[in-house]
Amino acid sequence: MAKAISDEPDYESIINSLYEKTRKGKIAWEKSDEPTRYRATVGDSLSFVVFLYITNPDEQESAHILRMHGPDDEPIFAVSTTTPELEEEHYEKISEIYRLAGRIADNVDDQITQALKVLKKA
């Protein structure tokens, strides 16, 4: 028997879980070919991409977008900081996932630790 389909998938639970796991350092984000895009592979065939999208360059408006991909990199869903169905807290979490993904992909914390060690010796 097929499972009933809800009106909207549970994006909020995915966002919450990805945010918490990223914050705890359990998600290995990597740089993409584009400088404002990060990717994390979860499990055998799922991945997430988070990126900055300029919506209006003249007004300096942008949005953070979170996409989930399945096997063969097929898109499953995308939500952003402009998705009307989401609550404000989820917009903030998508933006924070983006910020943390950049820190992880760029090894910012390791570089700061290294800089502190060097400065202590100077």
C-alpha atoms as a PDB file:
ATOM      1  CA  MET A   1       0.000   0.000   0.000  1.00  0.00           C
ATOM      2  CA  ALA A   2       1.344   3.427  -0.932  1.00  0.00           C
ATOM      3  CA  LYS A   3       2.046   6.024   1.734  1.00  0.00           C
ATOM      4  CA  ALA A   4      -0.168   9.121   1.783  1.00  0.00           C
ATOM      5  CA  ILE A   5       1.427  12.266   0.379  1.00  0.00           C
ATOM      6  CA  SER A   6       1.325  15.452   2.434  1.00  0.00           C
ATOM      7  CA  ASP A   7       0.712  18.856   0.876  1.00  0.00           C
ATOM      8  CA  GLU A   8       4.348  19.812   1.404  1.00  0.00           C
ATOM      9  CA  PRO A   9       7.352  17.674   2.367  1.00  0.00           C
ATOM     10  CA  ASP A  10       8.816  18.266   5.814  1.00  0.00           C
ATOM     11  CA  TYR A  11      11.470  20.765   4.762  1.00  0.00           C
ATOM     12  CA  GLU A  12      11.668  22.202   8.266  1.00  0.00           C
ATOM     13  CA  SER A  13      12.862  18.904   9.776  1.00  0.00           C
ATOM     14  CA  ILE A  14      15.549  18.565   7.111  1.00  0.00           C
ATOM     15  CA  ILE A  15      16.691  22.158   7.688  1.00  0.00           C
ATOM     16  CA  ASN A  16      16.711  21.706  11.476  1.00  0.00           C
ATOM     17  CA  SER A  17      18.639  18.449  11.337  1.00  0.00           C
ATOM     18  CA  LEU A  18      21.164  19.702   8.782  1.00  0.00           C
ATOM     19  CA  TYR A  19      21.678  22.876  10.814  1.00  0.00           C
ATOM     20  CA  GLU A  20      22.281  20.960  14.070  1.00  0.00           C
ATOM     21  CA  LYS A  21      24.593  18.403  12.466  1.00  0.00           C
ATOM     22  CA  THR A  22      26.553  21.148  10.698  1.00  0.00           C
ATOM     23  CA  ARG A  23      26.837  23.185  13.899  1.00  0.00           C
ATOM     24  CA  LYS A  24      28.160  20.127  15.748  1.00  0.00           C
ATOM     25  CA  GLY A  25      30.755  19.494  13.023  1.00  0.00           C
ATOM     26  CA  LYS A  26      29.192  16.229  11.880  1.00  0.00           C
ATOM     27  CA  ILE A  27      28.718  17.304   8.261  1.00  0.00           C
ATOM     28  CA  ALA A  28      31.776  17.605   6.016  1.00  0.00           C
ATOM     29  CA  TRP A  29      31.092  20.534   3.704  1.00  0.00           C
ATOM     30  CA  GLU A  30      33.375  21.001   0.708  1.00  0.00           C
ATOM     31  CA  LYS A  31      33.959  23.825  -1.734  1.00  0.00           C
ATOM     32  CA  SER A  32      32.301  23.592  -5.095  1.00  0.00           C
ATOM     33  CA  ASP A  33      33.592  24.849  -8.427  1.00  0.00           C
ATOM     34  CA  GLU A  34      31.817  28.120  -7.710  1.00  0.00           C
ATOM     35  CA  PRO A  35      33.136  30.260  -4.826  1.00  0.00           C
ATOM     36  CA  THR A  36      29.732  30.804  -3.193  1.00  0.00           C
ATOM     37  CA  ARG A  37      28.619  27.155  -3.311  1.00  0.00           C
ATOM     38  CA  TYR A  38      29.252  24.307  -0.844  1.00  0.00           C
ATOM     39  CA  ARG A  39      28.365  20.604  -1.013  1.00  0.00           C
ATOM     40  CA  ALA A  40      28.019  17.882   1.597  1.00  0.00           C
ATOM     41  CA  THR A  41      27.467  14.206   0.886  1.00  0.00           C
ATOM     42  CA  VAL A  42      25.356  12.356   3.437  1.00  0.00           C
ATOM     43  CA  GLY A  43      25.068   8.605   3.350  1.00  0.00           C
ATOM     44  CA  ASP A  44      25.639   6.725   0.127  1.00  0.00           C
ATOM     45  CA  SER A  45      23.598   8.731  -2.338  1.00  0.00           C
ATOM     46  CA  LEU A  46      22.263  11.952  -0.798  1.00  0.00           C
ATOM     47  CA  SER A  47      23.907  15.333  -0.949  1.00  0.00           C
ATOM     48  CA  PHE A  48      23.118  18.899  -0.036  1.00  0.00           C
ATOM     49  CA  VAL A  49      24.234  22.049  -1.775  1.00  0.00           C
ATOM     50  CA  VAL A  50      23.958  25.461  -0.168  1.00  0.00           C
ATOM     51  CA  PHE A  51      24.763  28.639  -2.055  1.00  0.00           C
ATOM     52  CA  LEU A  52      24.321  32.355  -2.341  1.00  0.00           C
ATOM     53  CA  TYR A  53      22.152  33.575  -5.207  1.00  0.00           C
ATOM     54  CA  ILE A  54      22.090  37.236  -6.205  1.00  0.00           C
ATOM     55  CA  THR A  55      18.434  38.036  -6.863  1.00  0.00           C
ATOM     56  CA  ASN A  56      18.874  41.719  -7.739  1.00  0.00           C
ATOM     57  CA  PRO A  57      22.427  42.970  -8.283  1.00  0.00           C
ATOM     58  CA  ASP A  58      21.340  46.608  -8.574  1.00  0.00           C
ATOM     59  CA  GLU A  59      19.712  46.558  -5.142  1.00  0.00           C
ATOM     60  CA  GLN A  60      22.316  44.153  -3.676  1.00  0.00           C
ATOM     61  CA  GLU A  61      19.598  41.634  -2.862  1.00  0.00           C
ATOM     62  CA  SER A  62      20.421  37.975  -2.431  1.00  0.00           C
ATOM     63  CA  ALA A  63      19.064  34.712  -1.084  1.00  0.00           C
ATOM     64  CA  HIS A  64      20.606  31.572   0.361  1.00  0.00           C
ATOM     65  CA  ILE A  65      19.407  28.415  -1.337  1.00  0.00           C
ATOM     66  CA  LEU A  66      19.540  24.874   0.031  1.00  0.00           C
ATOM     67  CA  ARG A  67      19.089  21.972  -2.369  1.00  0.00           C
ATOM     68  CA  MET A  68      18.921  18.260  -1.731  1.00  0.00           C
ATOM     69  CA  HIS A  69      20.136  15.844  -4.401  1.00  0.00           C
ATOM     70  CA  GLY A  70      19.603  12.115  -4.739  1.00  0.00           C
ATOM     71  CA  PRO A  71      21.371   9.396  -6.685  1.00  0.00           C
ATOM     72  CA  ASP A  72      23.014  10.557  -9.900  1.00  0.00           C
ATOM     73  CA  ASP A  73      22.886  14.109  -8.486  1.00  0.00           C
ATOM     74  CA  GLU A  74      19.205  14.487  -9.383  1.00  0.00           C
ATOM     75  CA  PRO A  75      17.558  17.396  -7.540  1.00  0.00           C
ATOM     76  CA  ILE A  76      14.985  16.358  -4.949  1.00  0.00           C
ATOM     77  CA  PHE A  77      14.023  19.755  -3.551  1.00  0.00           C
ATOM     78  CA  ALA A  78      15.204  23.307  -3.104  1.00  0.00           C
ATOM     79  CA  VAL A  79      14.254  25.850  -0.461  1.00  0.00           C
ATOM     80  CA  SER A  80      15.574  29.329   0.081  1.00  0.00           C
ATOM     81  CA  THR A  81      15.452  32.325   2.349  1.00  0.00           C
ATOM     82  CA  THR A  82      12.594  33.518   0.139  1.00  0.00           C
ATOM     83  CA  THR A  83      10.444  30.352   0.196  1.00  0.00           C
ATOM     84  CA  PRO A  84       7.058  31.620   1.426  1.00  0.00           C
ATOM     85  CA  GLU A  85       6.022  28.359   3.155  1.00  0.00           C
ATOM     86  CA  LEU A  86       8.926  28.515   5.623  1.00  0.00           C
ATOM     87  CA  GLU A  87       8.952  30.305   8.936  1.00  0.00           C
ATOM     88  CA  GLU A  88      11.487  33.049   9.647  1.00  0.00           C
ATOM     89  CA  GLU A  89      13.579  30.783  11.895  1.00  0.00           C
ATOM     90  CA  HIS A  90      14.188  28.463   8.950  1.00  0.00           C
ATOM     91  CA  TYR A  91      15.379  31.356   6.772  1.00  0.00           C
ATOM     92  CA  GLU A  92      17.919  32.105   9.488  1.00  0.00           C
ATOM     93  CA  LYS A  93      18.990  28.470   9.707  1.00  0.00           C
ATOM     94  CA  ILE A  94      19.516  28.223   5.937  1.00  0.00           C
ATOM     95  CA  SER A  95      21.695  31.354   6.093  1.00  0.00           C
ATOM     96  CA  GLU A  96      23.579  29.943   9.072  1.00  0.00           C
ATOM     97  CA  ILE A  97      24.114  26.598   7.302  1.00  0.00           C
ATOM     98  CA  TYR A  98      25.668  28.587   4.456  1.00  0.00           C
ATOM     99  CA  ARG A  99      27.956  30.519   6.808  1.00  0.00           C
ATOM    100  CA  LEU A 100      29.029  27.395   8.705  1.00  0.00           C
ATOM    101  CA  ALA A 101      29.521  25.400   5.497  1.00  0.00           C
ATOM    102  CA  GLY A 102      31.946  28.070   4.322  1.00  0.00           C
ATOM    103  CA  ARG A 103      33.855  27.938   7.607  1.00  0.00           C
ATOM    104  CA  ILE A 104      34.094  24.160   7.397  1.00  0.00           C
ATOM    105  CA  ALA A 105      35.035  24.041   3.706  1.00  0.00           C
ATOM    106  CA  ASP A 106      37.678  26.750   4.149  1.00  0.00           C
ATOM    107  CA  ASN A 107      39.083  25.212   7.361  1.00  0.00           C
ATOM    108  CA  VAL A 108      38.683  28.579   9.072  1.00  0.00           C
ATOM    109  CA  ASP A 109      38.797  27.206  12.625  1.00  0.00           C
ATOM    110  CA  ASP A 110      42.027  25.259  11.930  1.00  0.00           C
ATOM    111  CA  GLN A 111      43.618  28.321  10.372  1.00  0.00           C
ATOM    112  CA  ILE A 112      42.694  30.469  13.375  1.00  0.00           C
ATOM    113  CA  THR A 113      44.103  27.847  15.752  1.00  0.00           C
ATOM    114  CA  GLN A 114      47.322  27.763  13.710  1.00  0.00           C
ATOM    115  CA  ALA A 115      47.546  31.558  13.720  1.00  0.00           C
ATOM    116  CA  LEU A 116      47.155  31.622  17.521  1.00  0.00           C
ATOM    117  CA  LYS A 117      49.975  29.080  17.903  1.00  0.00           C
ATOM    118  CA  VAL A 118      52.250  31.152  15.687  1.00  0.00           C
ATOM    119  CA  LEU A 119      51.367  34.371  17.506  1.00  0.00           C
ATOM    120  CA  LYS A 120      52.097  32.789  20.901  1.00  0.00           C
ATOM    121  CA  LYS A 121      55.588  31.883  19.695  1.00  0.00           C
ATOM    122  CA  ALA A 122      56.273  35.346  18.225  1.00  0.00           C
END
